[in-house]
Amino acid sequence: MDDEQELLNQGLDHLRRLLGEPWQVDAVNRPQPSDAALWMTASDPEQLVAIHSPLGGSSGLVLVEAIHALTPARAAKEFGPKLALMHRLTGSAAVLVIAPWLSPRTRETLETLGYGYLDLTGNVSIRLSQPGIVIRTEGAKQDPHPSGRRARQQLRGARAGRLVRVLVDARPPYRATELAEASGVSPSYVSRLLDALEEEALITRDGRSVTDVDWRELIRARAAQYSLLDANPHVALLAQQGADKVLEVLRDRRKFIEQFGEIAVTGPFATRKVVPNVTIGGQLMIYVPPDPRLDSPLDRIANDLGLLRTDIGADVLMLRATNEIVFKGVRQVEGIPYVALSQLAIDSLGGTGRMPAEGEELLIYMARNEERWRARSLRELS
């Protein structure tokens, strides 16, 4: 209890520093409800405080709740009803959640519920109508002190990438065993990752079945832990006649080039085919097989496309695909292989320069045209 009380005190001190002198933040006594045992735990202390304005003497009530770990799922399923009961005692008091760190997804959930938040890294959102207060600051985007299951169940790595693609590309319902078979990932890993995704409110389950997937947020969550160029070793190349000419050669010689291995275009040139008015310029990015040996598929493909290795001014990047999932669902557009839209969105959001902004525009297109790219079931996807 001492640790949680200390967290509450630290959060209130942070609030006082944000408001500055001569604002005051004072505790307010209130009666305990008869059914307190049903909703109040010793690990989650709460405090009703009054914020006094130095202008005109107005004040407002804020119900402050300190909690060491809050996931989006807990915020939506448990925290809301708990604070609704608190409101019966405090009337129209605003709500402020204090934590050591709150993930972007958790902060978004709290805002949707209408709650303010303050974490000790500096992520703050407070809005009061009486007295008039609006505070919004940004702190750490990643947990500075990760621990426990959530730290182990990160959405990085090849296995997570395969499972994310299946969840995004096929509509539910489906079970963990079906997802394991479709993604080629072990059932135990799928089960653990689904638990973590449910905690982050990225999926919804009914019993053993996944019934809903927030695919846009799942893509964003995967991309937040994925760097396109770090994850895939790449070679910088120069197109002697320009990148557009490379695509023409790729189209005309695709059958021959594919003898060296699978290829697929990603990045700005692929995005341009879907949302043409969003992206201008950028490098042509092409996935190729991962073999790094001399006279590798990359070198053979580059030679056939008329590309030269360069240290400066590269307009083409060939990415040695470290995860075969990038070739799943490849789309043939005007005779040229492009990665699936879900892979393109992940690559764009995990890319450099303007690519993340282009990825957001691509997500808008995907949301408006979901029936065009998302399979109605796992069976249809396979």
Protein backbone atom coordinates (compact mmCIF):
# COMPACT_ATOMS: atom_id res chain seq x y z
CA MET A 1 0.00 0.00 0.00
CA ASP A 2 2.91 2.33 0.76
CA ASP A 3 4.18 2.10 -2.83
CA GLU A 4 0.76 2.97 -4.25
CA GLN A 5 0.30 5.84 -1.80
CA GLU A 6 3.71 7.16 -2.78
CA LEU A 7 2.65 7.00 -6.45
CA LEU A 8 -0.47 9.01 -5.60
CA ASN A 9 1.60 11.59 -3.75
CA GLN A 10 4.12 11.87 -6.58
CA GLY A 11 1.34 12.34 -9.10
CA LEU A 12 -0.33 15.09 -7.05
CA ASP A 13 3.03 16.83 -6.61
CA HIS A 14 3.50 16.68 -10.39
CA LEU A 15 0.04 18.20 -10.84
CA ARG A 16 0.89 21.02 -8.42
CA ARG A 17 4.08 21.79 -10.36
CA LEU A 18 2.14 21.90 -13.62
CA LEU A 19 -0.43 24.30 -12.19
CA GLY A 20 2.17 26.41 -10.39
CA GLU A 21 1.62 29.00 -7.70
CA PRO A 22 -0.80 30.19 -6.39
CA TRP A 23 -3.06 27.28 -7.53
CA GLN A 24 -3.89 24.84 -4.73
CA VAL A 25 -4.60 21.12 -4.76
CA ASP A 26 -6.14 19.95 -1.46
CA ALA A 27 -7.56 16.65 -0.27
CA VAL A 28 -11.31 16.51 0.41
CA ASN A 29 -12.87 14.17 2.96
CA ARG A 30 -15.80 12.07 1.80
CA PRO A 31 -17.80 9.15 3.22
CA GLN A 32 -16.99 5.56 2.32
CA PRO A 33 -19.73 3.69 0.38
CA SER A 34 -21.35 0.66 1.96
CA ASP A 35 -20.37 -1.49 -1.04
CA ALA A 36 -16.75 -0.29 -1.11
CA ALA A 37 -15.43 -3.85 -0.75
CA LEU A 38 -16.88 -4.72 -4.14
CA TRP A 39 -14.79 -2.24 -6.07
CA MET A 40 -12.03 -0.76 -3.95
CA THR A 41 -8.69 -2.56 -3.61
CA ALA A 42 -5.80 -1.77 -1.36
CA SER A 43 -3.46 -1.71 -4.37
CA ASP A 44 -5.32 1.09 -6.15
CA PRO A 45 -5.67 4.09 -3.82
CA GLU A 46 -7.90 6.96 -4.76
CA GLN A 47 -8.28 10.48 -3.50
CA LEU A 48 -10.82 13.21 -3.99
CA VAL A 49 -9.07 16.56 -4.35
CA ALA A 50 -10.20 20.13 -4.87
CA ILE A 51 -8.34 22.40 -7.26
CA HIS A 52 -8.62 26.04 -6.27
CA SER A 53 -8.11 28.78 -8.85
CA PRO A 54 -6.31 31.97 -7.80
CA LEU A 55 -8.70 33.90 -10.08
CA GLY A 56 -12.07 34.49 -8.49
CA GLY A 57 -11.70 31.74 -5.92
CA SER A 58 -13.45 29.09 -8.05
CA SER A 59 -12.67 25.42 -7.43
CA GLY A 60 -13.42 22.04 -8.92
CA LEU A 61 -13.40 18.44 -7.68
CA VAL A 62 -11.13 15.82 -9.21
CA LEU A 63 -11.27 12.15 -8.34
CA VAL A 64 -7.65 10.96 -8.55
CA GLU A 65 -6.88 7.26 -8.92
CA ALA A 66 -3.33 5.90 -8.64
CA ILE A 67 -2.59 2.58 -10.32
CA HIS A 68 0.75 0.95 -11.06
CA ALA A 69 -0.28 -0.92 -14.20
CA LEU A 70 -3.27 -0.17 -16.40
CA THR A 71 -3.95 -1.83 -19.74
CA PRO A 72 -6.55 -0.64 -22.25
CA ALA A 73 -8.66 -3.72 -21.56
CA ARG A 74 -8.68 -3.08 -17.83
CA ALA A 75 -9.44 0.59 -18.37
CA ALA A 76 -12.44 -0.26 -20.55
CA LYS A 77 -13.81 -3.27 -18.66
CA GLU A 78 -12.97 -2.62 -15.00
CA PHE A 79 -11.95 0.95 -14.51
CA GLY A 80 -15.04 2.50 -16.05
CA PRO A 81 -17.59 0.77 -13.77
CA LYS A 82 -15.38 1.38 -10.75
CA LEU A 83 -15.17 5.10 -11.36
CA ALA A 84 -18.86 5.28 -12.23
CA LEU A 85 -19.56 4.07 -8.71
CA MET A 86 -17.18 6.68 -7.34
CA HIS A 87 -19.12 9.34 -9.21
CA ARG A 88 -22.22 8.48 -7.20
CA LEU A 89 -20.37 9.93 -4.22
CA THR A 90 -18.80 12.91 -5.88
CA GLY A 91 -21.36 14.11 -8.37
CA SER A 92 -19.73 15.78 -11.33
CA ALA A 93 -16.12 15.44 -10.27
CA ALA A 94 -13.60 14.96 -13.07
CA VAL A 95 -11.41 11.87 -13.05
CA LEU A 96 -7.62 11.81 -13.18
CA VAL A 97 -5.65 8.56 -13.49
CA ILE A 98 -2.08 8.57 -12.19
CA ALA A 99 0.44 5.88 -13.17
CA PRO A 100 4.21 5.46 -13.56
CA TRP A 101 3.67 5.14 -17.33
CA LEU A 102 0.65 4.79 -19.61
CA SER A 103 0.90 3.34 -23.09
CA PRO A 104 -0.44 5.35 -26.06
CA ARG A 105 -3.24 2.81 -26.43
CA THR A 106 -4.19 3.10 -22.74
CA ARG A 107 -4.17 6.90 -22.92
CA GLU A 108 -6.43 6.78 -25.96
CA THR A 109 -8.85 4.48 -24.09
CA LEU A 110 -8.93 6.81 -21.08
CA GLU A 111 -9.65 9.80 -23.32
CA THR A 112 -12.50 7.90 -24.97
CA LEU A 113 -13.94 7.23 -21.52
CA GLY A 114 -13.62 10.93 -20.68
CA TYR A 115 -10.90 10.56 -18.04
CA GLY A 116 -7.80 12.65 -17.60
CA TYR A 117 -4.42 11.04 -17.03
CA LEU A 118 -0.97 11.84 -15.69
CA ASP A 119 2.03 9.55 -15.78
CA LEU A 120 5.36 10.20 -14.16
CA THR A 121 7.19 10.35 -17.51
CA GLY A 122 5.22 13.45 -18.51
CA ASN A 123 2.23 12.15 -20.48
CA VAL A 124 -0.56 14.40 -19.19
CA SER A 125 -4.08 15.24 -20.33
CA ILE A 126 -6.27 17.24 -17.95
CA ARG A 127 -9.37 19.23 -18.86
CA LEU A 128 -11.63 20.98 -16.33
CA SER A 129 -14.48 23.33 -17.06
CA GLN A 130 -14.64 24.73 -13.53
CA PRO A 131 -12.12 26.18 -12.95
CA GLY A 132 -11.04 26.40 -16.58
CA ILE A 133 -7.96 24.18 -17.00
CA VAL A 134 -6.51 22.50 -20.08
CA ILE A 135 -3.13 20.76 -19.75
CA ARG A 136 -1.63 18.41 -22.32
CA THR A 137 2.00 17.33 -22.43
CA GLU A 138 3.89 14.39 -23.93
CA GLY A 139 6.29 12.11 -22.15
CA ALA A 140 7.76 8.69 -22.93
CA LYS A 141 6.26 6.69 -25.79
CA GLN A 142 7.86 3.46 -24.55
CA ASP A 143 7.77 2.07 -21.03
CA PRO A 144 11.07 3.14 -19.42
CA HIS A 145 10.87 0.26 -16.94
CA PRO A 146 9.23 -2.72 -18.70
CA SER A 147 8.60 -5.81 -16.62
CA GLY A 148 6.50 -8.93 -16.51
CA ARG A 149 4.48 -10.51 -19.30
CA ARG A 150 3.80 -7.32 -21.22
CA ALA A 151 7.53 -6.72 -21.63
CA ARG A 152 8.02 -10.26 -22.96
CA GLN A 153 5.07 -10.18 -25.33
CA GLN A 154 6.29 -7.49 -27.64
CA LEU A 155 4.97 -7.28 -31.18
CA ARG A 156 8.43 -7.58 -32.66
CA GLY A 157 10.12 -10.47 -34.39
CA ALA A 158 9.18 -12.82 -37.22
CA ARG A 159 6.63 -14.90 -35.30
CA ALA A 160 4.69 -11.85 -34.19
CA GLY A 161 4.85 -10.50 -37.73
CA ARG A 162 3.30 -13.67 -39.16
CA LEU A 163 0.51 -13.75 -36.60
CA VAL A 164 -0.27 -10.04 -37.02
CA ARG A 165 -0.60 -10.49 -40.77
CA VAL A 166 -3.10 -13.33 -40.34
CA LEU A 167 -5.15 -11.39 -37.78
CA VAL A 168 -5.25 -8.36 -40.05
CA ASP A 169 -5.80 -10.15 -43.37
CA ALA A 170 -8.69 -12.42 -42.31
CA ARG A 171 -11.90 -11.53 -40.53
CA PRO A 172 -12.75 -13.42 -37.33
CA PRO A 173 -14.07 -15.55 -35.72
CA TYR A 174 -11.22 -18.02 -35.29
CA ARG A 175 -9.44 -19.89 -32.51
CA ALA A 176 -5.82 -19.99 -31.42
CA THR A 177 -5.28 -23.42 -32.99
CA GLU A 178 -6.59 -22.16 -36.33
CA LEU A 179 -4.39 -19.06 -36.14
CA ALA A 180 -1.37 -21.23 -35.32
CA GLU A 181 -1.97 -23.38 -38.38
CA ALA A 182 -2.55 -20.39 -40.65
CA SER A 183 0.51 -18.46 -39.43
CA GLY A 184 2.92 -21.37 -38.95
CA VAL A 185 3.52 -20.31 -35.35
CA SER A 186 3.32 -22.67 -32.38
CA PRO A 187 -0.05 -22.82 -30.55
CA SER A 188 1.60 -21.92 -27.23
CA TYR A 189 3.12 -18.75 -28.69
CA VAL A 190 -0.16 -17.79 -30.34
CA SER A 191 -2.01 -18.27 -27.05
CA ARG A 192 0.46 -16.08 -25.13
CA LEU A 193 0.42 -13.32 -27.73
CA LEU A 194 -3.38 -13.35 -27.94
CA ASP A 195 -3.48 -12.84 -24.16
CA ALA A 196 -1.24 -9.79 -24.53
CA LEU A 197 -3.27 -8.43 -27.45
CA GLU A 198 -6.49 -8.80 -25.46
CA GLU A 199 -4.95 -6.87 -22.58
CA GLU A 200 -4.16 -4.07 -25.02
CA ALA A 201 -7.76 -4.19 -26.37
CA LEU A 202 -6.42 -4.99 -29.84
CA ILE A 203 -8.58 -8.11 -30.06
CA THR A 204 -11.82 -9.22 -28.41
CA ARG A 205 -12.47 -12.83 -27.40
CA ASP A 206 -15.55 -14.77 -26.45
CA GLY A 207 -14.36 -17.86 -24.67
CA ARG A 208 -11.67 -19.40 -26.87
CA SER A 209 -12.67 -17.59 -30.04
CA VAL A 210 -11.34 -14.27 -31.31
CA THR A 211 -14.46 -12.37 -32.29
CA ASP A 212 -13.07 -8.97 -33.26
CA VAL A 213 -9.72 -7.47 -34.31
CA ASP A 214 -8.94 -3.76 -34.25
CA TRP A 215 -6.75 -4.24 -37.32
CA ARG A 216 -5.81 -0.57 -37.75
CA GLU A 217 -4.48 -0.27 -34.20
CA LEU A 218 -2.86 -3.69 -34.49
CA ILE A 219 -0.97 -2.51 -37.57
CA ARG A 220 0.10 0.65 -35.73
CA ALA A 221 1.19 -1.38 -32.69
CA ARG A 222 3.26 -3.75 -34.84
CA ALA A 223 4.82 -0.86 -36.76
CA ALA A 224 5.72 0.93 -33.52
CA GLN A 225 8.10 -1.95 -32.75
CA TYR A 226 9.28 -2.55 -36.29
CA SER A 227 11.81 -0.65 -38.38
CA LEU A 228 11.64 -1.54 -42.07
CA LEU A 229 15.29 -0.84 -42.82
CA ASP A 230 16.66 -2.22 -39.54
CA ALA A 231 14.67 -5.46 -39.82
CA ASN A 232 15.65 -6.12 -43.44
CA PRO A 233 19.32 -5.74 -44.47
CA HIS A 234 19.36 -3.61 -47.58
CA VAL A 235 21.61 -2.63 -50.42
CA ALA A 236 21.60 0.87 -51.93
CA LEU A 237 21.49 0.95 -55.71
CA LEU A 238 21.45 3.47 -58.51
CA ALA A 239 19.03 3.20 -61.42
CA GLN A 240 20.86 4.49 -64.48
CA GLN A 241 17.61 5.38 -66.25
CA GLY A 242 15.52 6.20 -63.20
CA ALA A 243 13.38 4.16 -60.84
CA ASP A 244 10.33 4.23 -63.11
CA LYS A 245 12.35 2.51 -65.82
CA VAL A 246 13.29 -0.19 -63.31
CA LEU A 247 9.60 -0.95 -62.81
CA GLU A 248 9.13 -1.23 -66.55
CA VAL A 249 11.97 -3.74 -66.81
CA LEU A 250 10.62 -5.62 -63.80
CA ARG A 251 7.25 -5.90 -65.49
CA ASP A 252 8.70 -7.05 -68.81
CA ARG A 253 11.20 -9.51 -67.31
CA ARG A 254 9.31 -10.59 -64.19
CA LYS A 255 9.07 -14.27 -65.17
CA PHE A 256 12.81 -14.45 -65.78
CA ILE A 257 13.74 -12.47 -62.68
CA GLU A 258 11.53 -14.61 -60.43
CA GLN A 259 13.73 -17.59 -61.28
CA PHE A 260 16.18 -16.10 -58.78
CA GLY A 261 13.55 -15.97 -56.04
CA GLU A 262 10.44 -14.12 -54.90
CA ILE A 263 10.32 -10.34 -55.24
CA ALA A 264 7.79 -7.71 -54.20
CA VAL A 265 7.71 -3.91 -54.32
CA THR A 266 7.01 -1.99 -51.10
CA GLY A 267 7.47 1.57 -49.86
CA PRO A 268 6.51 4.86 -51.57
CA PHE A 269 6.23 3.46 -55.11
CA ALA A 270 3.81 0.79 -53.85
CA THR A 271 1.80 3.31 -51.82
CA ARG A 272 1.51 5.55 -54.87
CA LYS A 273 -0.36 2.79 -56.70
CA VAL A 274 -3.05 2.82 -53.99
CA VAL A 275 -3.24 6.48 -52.91
CA PRO A 276 -1.58 8.32 -55.83
CA ASN A 277 -1.96 11.89 -54.54
CA VAL A 278 -0.30 11.26 -51.18
CA THR A 279 3.29 10.36 -51.96
CA ILE A 280 5.80 12.15 -54.19
CA GLY A 281 9.33 10.93 -54.77
CA GLY A 282 10.97 8.50 -52.41
CA GLN A 283 13.05 5.43 -53.10
CA LEU A 284 11.91 2.35 -54.97
CA MET A 285 12.04 -0.48 -52.42
CA ILE A 286 12.03 -4.11 -53.53
CA TYR A 287 12.00 -7.19 -51.32
CA VAL A 288 14.29 -9.97 -52.53
CA PRO A 289 15.36 -13.33 -51.01
CA PRO A 290 17.67 -13.07 -47.97
CA ASP A 291 20.71 -14.98 -49.29
CA PRO A 292 23.71 -12.63 -48.68
CA ARG A 293 26.36 -14.73 -50.46
CA LEU A 294 28.35 -13.51 -53.44
CA ASP A 295 26.35 -13.94 -56.65
CA SER A 296 23.23 -14.00 -54.48
CA PRO A 297 19.68 -13.57 -55.82
CA LEU A 298 19.95 -9.89 -54.94
CA ASP A 299 22.99 -9.42 -57.17
CA ARG A 300 21.43 -11.35 -60.03
CA ILE A 301 18.18 -9.39 -59.80
CA ALA A 302 20.02 -6.07 -59.56
CA ASN A 303 22.12 -6.94 -62.58
CA ASP A 304 19.08 -7.91 -64.63
CA LEU A 305 17.34 -4.66 -63.69
CA GLY A 306 20.39 -2.61 -64.67
CA LEU A 307 21.15 -1.42 -61.14
CA LEU A 308 24.55 -0.39 -59.77
CA ARG A 309 25.66 -0.43 -56.15
CA THR A 310 26.30 3.04 -54.76
CA ASP A 311 27.17 4.82 -51.53
CA ILE A 312 25.41 8.08 -52.41
CA GLY A 313 22.34 9.15 -54.34
CA ALA A 314 20.61 5.76 -54.21
CA ASP A 315 17.14 5.74 -55.73
CA VAL A 316 16.53 2.00 -55.28
CA LEU A 317 16.81 -0.11 -52.13
CA MET A 318 16.78 -3.89 -52.29
CA LEU A 319 15.68 -5.38 -48.99
CA ARG A 320 16.78 -8.89 -48.06
CA ALA A 321 13.51 -10.18 -46.60
CA THR A 322 14.17 -11.71 -43.18
CA ASN A 323 10.54 -12.87 -42.85
CA GLU A 324 8.86 -14.78 -45.65
CA ILE A 325 5.51 -13.31 -44.62
CA VAL A 326 6.31 -10.22 -46.73
CA PHE A 327 5.70 -12.34 -49.85
CA LYS A 328 2.30 -13.62 -48.68
CA GLY A 329 -0.65 -12.10 -50.48
CA VAL A 330 1.50 -10.37 -53.11
CA ARG A 331 -0.67 -8.38 -55.53
CA GLN A 332 -0.01 -8.26 -59.25
CA VAL A 333 -0.66 -4.70 -60.47
CA GLU A 334 -0.01 -4.05 -64.15
CA GLY A 335 2.24 -7.09 -64.21
CA ILE A 336 4.36 -5.96 -61.23
CA PRO A 337 4.35 -7.77 -57.85
CA TYR A 338 3.49 -5.51 -54.88
CA VAL A 339 3.27 -6.53 -51.23
CA ALA A 340 -0.16 -7.01 -49.64
CA LEU A 341 -1.80 -3.83 -48.37
CA SER A 342 -1.41 -4.93 -44.75
CA GLN A 343 2.34 -5.46 -45.26
CA LEU A 344 2.61 -2.15 -47.08
CA ALA A 345 0.93 -0.35 -44.18
CA ILE A 346 3.31 -1.95 -41.66
CA ASP A 347 6.34 -1.16 -43.82
CA SER A 348 5.22 2.43 -44.38
CA LEU A 349 4.49 3.15 -40.71
CA GLY A 350 7.81 1.53 -39.81
CA GLY A 351 9.69 3.39 -42.52
CA THR A 352 11.64 6.63 -42.75
CA GLY A 353 10.97 10.21 -43.86
CA ARG A 354 7.42 10.72 -45.12
CA MET A 355 6.61 7.02 -45.11
CA PRO A 356 4.71 6.98 -41.77
CA ALA A 357 2.42 9.79 -42.98
CA GLU A 358 1.86 7.86 -46.19
CA GLY A 359 1.06 4.80 -44.08
CA GLU A 360 -1.67 6.69 -42.24
CA GLU A 361 -3.25 7.70 -45.53
CA LEU A 362 -3.07 4.08 -46.64
CA LEU A 363 -4.94 3.01 -43.48
CA ILE A 364 -7.73 5.44 -44.37
CA TYR A 365 -7.99 3.86 -47.81
CA MET A 366 -7.99 0.35 -46.31
CA ALA A 367 -10.76 1.24 -43.87
CA ARG A 368 -12.92 2.55 -46.70
CA ASN A 369 -12.25 -0.49 -48.90
CA GLU A 370 -11.96 -3.32 -46.38
CA GLU A 371 -14.04 -5.70 -48.48
CA ARG A 372 -11.49 -5.43 -51.32
CA TRP A 373 -8.45 -6.67 -49.44
CA ARG A 374 -9.56 -8.49 -46.27
CA ALA A 375 -10.56 -12.13 -46.50
CA ARG A 376 -13.93 -13.05 -45.02
CA SER A 377 -12.44 -16.02 -43.16
CA LEU A 378 -9.22 -17.94 -42.59
CA ARG A 379 -10.37 -20.49 -45.12
CA GLU A 380 -10.73 -17.80 -47.77
CA LEU A 381 -7.33 -16.38 -46.84
CA SER A 382 -5.62 -19.75 -47.25
